[in-house]
């Protein structure tokens, strides 16, 4: 007998490959819409799954994400920059604070912009 057990999307992504799946989506995006959608999915999954956040820190995946941003800098617009600031923690619409809550993301994503 098979039993269906529903899981959140963030848990499913964690089971099938973790942050590497999301980084792969970002790397494969070729236009602004795909880039925005993949970054948005990345941010949403990280905000809802603490285990993925720890995995990103453990594997230093923010460096890879920074390199992907550098490679695709021609696709970055204000919406993607806003998502990046949300990921870093400088924009928190719930608490109305401007504290940096993710120093690794801040260092590799925002401090590396030219």
C-alpha atoms as a PDB file:
ATOM      1  CA  UNK A   1       0.000   0.000   0.000  1.00  0.00           C
ATOM      2  CA  UNK A   2       1.383   3.367  -1.006  1.00  0.00           C
ATOM      3  CA  UNK A   3       0.800   6.340   1.221  1.00  0.00           C
ATOM      4  CA  UNK A   4       1.033   9.927   0.069  1.00  0.00           C
ATOM      5  CA  UNK A   5       2.765  12.168   2.577  1.00  0.00           C
ATOM      6  CA  UNK A   6       2.682  15.822   1.555  1.00  0.00           C
ATOM      7  CA  UNK A   7       5.853  17.839   2.060  1.00  0.00           C
ATOM      8  CA  UNK A   8       6.559  21.519   1.541  1.00  0.00           C
ATOM      9  CA  UNK A   9       8.414  22.385  -1.662  1.00  0.00           C
ATOM     10  CA  UNK A  10      11.459  23.507   0.318  1.00  0.00           C
ATOM     11  CA  UNK A  11      11.735  20.065   1.947  1.00  0.00           C
ATOM     12  CA  UNK A  12      11.328  18.325  -1.414  1.00  0.00           C
ATOM     13  CA  UNK A  13      14.099  20.456  -2.940  1.00  0.00           C
ATOM     14  CA  UNK A  14      16.265  19.624   0.071  1.00  0.00           C
ATOM     15  CA  UNK A  15      15.726  15.891  -0.528  1.00  0.00           C
ATOM     16  CA  UNK A  16      16.483  15.926  -4.262  1.00  0.00           C
ATOM     17  CA  UNK A  17      19.670  17.961  -4.189  1.00  0.00           C
ATOM     18  CA  UNK A  18      19.527  20.858  -1.797  1.00  0.00           C
ATOM     19  CA  UNK A  19      20.952  24.225  -2.750  1.00  0.00           C
ATOM     20  CA  UNK A  20      22.693  22.787  -5.801  1.00  0.00           C
ATOM     21  CA  UNK A  21      19.336  22.354  -7.535  1.00  0.00           C
ATOM     22  CA  UNK A  22      18.487  26.012  -6.996  1.00  0.00           C
ATOM     23  CA  UNK A  23      21.955  27.167  -8.040  1.00  0.00           C
ATOM     24  CA  UNK A  24      21.541  25.067 -11.185  1.00  0.00           C
ATOM     25  CA  UNK A  25      18.290  26.851 -12.006  1.00  0.00           C
ATOM     26  CA  UNK A  26      19.988  30.214 -11.575  1.00  0.00           C
ATOM     27  CA  UNK A  27      22.930  29.105 -13.725  1.00  0.00           C
ATOM     28  CA  UNK A  28      20.639  27.900 -16.538  1.00  0.00           C
ATOM     29  CA  UNK A  29      18.584  31.091 -16.740  1.00  0.00           C
ATOM     30  CA  UNK A  30      19.143  32.952 -20.003  1.00  0.00           C
ATOM     31  CA  UNK A  31      16.783  35.904 -19.781  1.00  0.00           C
ATOM     32  CA  UNK A  32      15.614  38.374 -17.150  1.00  0.00           C
ATOM     33  CA  UNK A  33      12.330  36.576 -16.474  1.00  0.00           C
ATOM     34  CA  UNK A  34      13.975  33.193 -15.887  1.00  0.00           C
ATOM     35  CA  UNK A  35      16.723  34.776 -13.793  1.00  0.00           C
ATOM     36  CA  UNK A  36      14.174  36.610 -11.645  1.00  0.00           C
ATOM     37  CA  UNK A  37      12.034  33.482 -11.211  1.00  0.00           C
ATOM     38  CA  UNK A  38      14.996  31.327 -10.194  1.00  0.00           C
ATOM     39  CA  UNK A  39      16.348  33.908  -7.732  1.00  0.00           C
ATOM     40  CA  UNK A  40      12.835  34.373  -6.299  1.00  0.00           C
ATOM     41  CA  UNK A  41      12.459  30.606  -5.815  1.00  0.00           C
ATOM     42  CA  UNK A  42      15.918  30.467  -4.227  1.00  0.00           C
ATOM     43  CA  UNK A  43      15.057  33.234  -1.746  1.00  0.00           C
ATOM     44  CA  UNK A  44      11.648  31.749  -0.891  1.00  0.00           C
ATOM     45  CA  UNK A  45      13.090  28.310  -0.242  1.00  0.00           C
ATOM     46  CA  UNK A  46      15.874  29.696   1.918  1.00  0.00           C
ATOM     47  CA  UNK A  47      13.452  31.797   3.935  1.00  0.00           C
ATOM     48  CA  UNK A  48      11.295  28.752   4.690  1.00  0.00           C
ATOM     49  CA  UNK A  49      13.973  26.100   5.314  1.00  0.00           C
ATOM     50  CA  UNK A  50      16.641  26.601   7.986  1.00  0.00           C
ATOM     51  CA  UNK A  51      18.397  23.370   7.010  1.00  0.00           C
ATOM     52  CA  UNK A  52      19.030  24.744   3.502  1.00  0.00           C
ATOM     53  CA  UNK A  53      20.463  27.920   5.042  1.00  0.00           C
ATOM     54  CA  UNK A  54      22.910  25.857   7.097  1.00  0.00           C
ATOM     55  CA  UNK A  55      23.822  23.783   4.041  1.00  0.00           C
ATOM     56  CA  UNK A  56      24.580  26.948   2.052  1.00  0.00           C
ATOM     57  CA  UNK A  57      26.894  28.157   4.800  1.00  0.00           C
ATOM     58  CA  UNK A  58      28.559  24.750   5.164  1.00  0.00           C
ATOM     59  CA  UNK A  59      29.287  24.388   1.448  1.00  0.00           C
ATOM     60  CA  UNK A  60      30.077  28.093   0.923  1.00  0.00           C
ATOM     61  CA  UNK A  61      27.458  28.199  -1.810  1.00  0.00           C
ATOM     62  CA  UNK A  62      27.083  31.960  -1.426  1.00  0.00           C
ATOM     63  CA  UNK A  63      30.436  32.250  -3.215  1.00  0.00           C
ATOM     64  CA  UNK A  64      29.014  30.259  -6.121  1.00  0.00           C
ATOM     65  CA  UNK A  65      25.901  32.422  -6.123  1.00  0.00           C
ATOM     66  CA  UNK A  66      28.119  35.513  -6.154  1.00  0.00           C
ATOM     67  CA  UNK A  67      29.992  34.166  -9.177  1.00  0.00           C
ATOM     68  CA  UNK A  68      26.701  33.439 -10.932  1.00  0.00           C
ATOM     69  CA  UNK A  69      25.562  37.000 -10.236  1.00  0.00           C
ATOM     70  CA  UNK A  70      28.846  38.308 -11.615  1.00  0.00           C
ATOM     71  CA  UNK A  71      28.504  36.145 -14.724  1.00  0.00           C
ATOM     72  CA  UNK A  72      24.901  37.257 -15.252  1.00  0.00           C
ATOM     73  CA  UNK A  73      25.290  40.884 -14.164  1.00  0.00           C
ATOM     74  CA  UNK A  74      23.684  42.058 -17.417  1.00  0.00           C
ATOM     75  CA  UNK A  75      20.433  40.411 -16.209  1.00  0.00           C
ATOM     76  CA  UNK A  76      20.368  42.100 -12.801  1.00  0.00           C
ATOM     77  CA  UNK A  77      17.659  44.714 -12.389  1.00  0.00           C
ATOM     78  CA  UNK A  78      16.081  46.486  -9.418  1.00  0.00           C
ATOM     79  CA  UNK A  79      13.739  43.570  -8.677  1.00  0.00           C
ATOM     80  CA  UNK A  80      16.592  41.078  -8.461  1.00  0.00           C
ATOM     81  CA  UNK A  81      18.605  43.505  -6.359  1.00  0.00           C
ATOM     82  CA  UNK A  82      15.613  43.794  -4.007  1.00  0.00           C
ATOM     83  CA  UNK A  83      15.458  39.990  -3.724  1.00  0.00           C
ATOM     84  CA  UNK A  84      19.181  39.939  -2.989  1.00  0.00           C
ATOM     85  CA  UNK A  85      18.752  42.518  -0.238  1.00  0.00           C
ATOM     86  CA  UNK A  86      15.910  40.416   1.170  1.00  0.00           C
ATOM     87  CA  UNK A  87      18.174  37.354   1.167  1.00  0.00           C
ATOM     88  CA  UNK A  88      20.961  39.242   2.892  1.00  0.00           C
ATOM     89  CA  UNK A  89      18.554  40.599   5.467  1.00  0.00           C
ATOM     90  CA  UNK A  90      18.962  44.301   4.817  1.00  0.00           C
ATOM     91  CA  UNK A  91      15.292  44.522   3.826  1.00  0.00           C
ATOM     92  CA  UNK A  92      12.850  42.844   6.176  1.00  0.00           C
ATOM     93  CA  UNK A  93       9.286  43.865   5.456  1.00  0.00           C
ATOM     94  CA  UNK A  94       7.928  42.032   8.492  1.00  0.00           C
ATOM     95  CA  UNK A  95      10.075  43.672  11.165  1.00  0.00           C
ATOM     96  CA  UNK A  96      10.833  46.964   9.423  1.00  0.00           C
ATOM     97  CA  UNK A  97      14.510  46.571  10.326  1.00  0.00           C
ATOM     98  CA  UNK A  98      17.661  47.092   8.299  1.00  0.00           C
ATOM     99  CA  UNK A  99      20.082  44.797  10.134  1.00  0.00           C
ATOM    100  CA  UNK A 100      22.330  42.395   8.228  1.00  0.00           C
ATOM    101  CA  UNK A 101      21.156  38.955   9.298  1.00  0.00           C
ATOM    102  CA  UNK A 102      23.195  36.923   6.806  1.00  0.00           C
ATOM    103  CA  UNK A 103      26.786  38.125   6.805  1.00  0.00           C
ATOM    104  CA  UNK A 104      28.045  35.440   4.383  1.00  0.00           C
ATOM    105  CA  UNK A 105      25.463  36.416   1.771  1.00  0.00           C
ATOM    106  CA  UNK A 106      26.220  40.099   2.360  1.00  0.00           C
ATOM    107  CA  UNK A 107      29.941  39.541   1.868  1.00  0.00           C
ATOM    108  CA  UNK A 108      29.692  37.432  -1.284  1.00  0.00           C
ATOM    109  CA  UNK A 109      26.680  39.020  -2.981  1.00  0.00           C
ATOM    110  CA  UNK A 110      26.586  42.718  -2.169  1.00  0.00           C
ATOM    111  CA  UNK A 111      30.210  43.514  -1.317  1.00  0.00           C
ATOM    112  CA  UNK A 112      31.440  41.963  -4.572  1.00  0.00           C
ATOM    113  CA  UNK A 113      29.425  44.246  -6.881  1.00  0.00           C
ATOM    114  CA  UNK A 114      31.587  46.500  -9.011  1.00  0.00           C
END
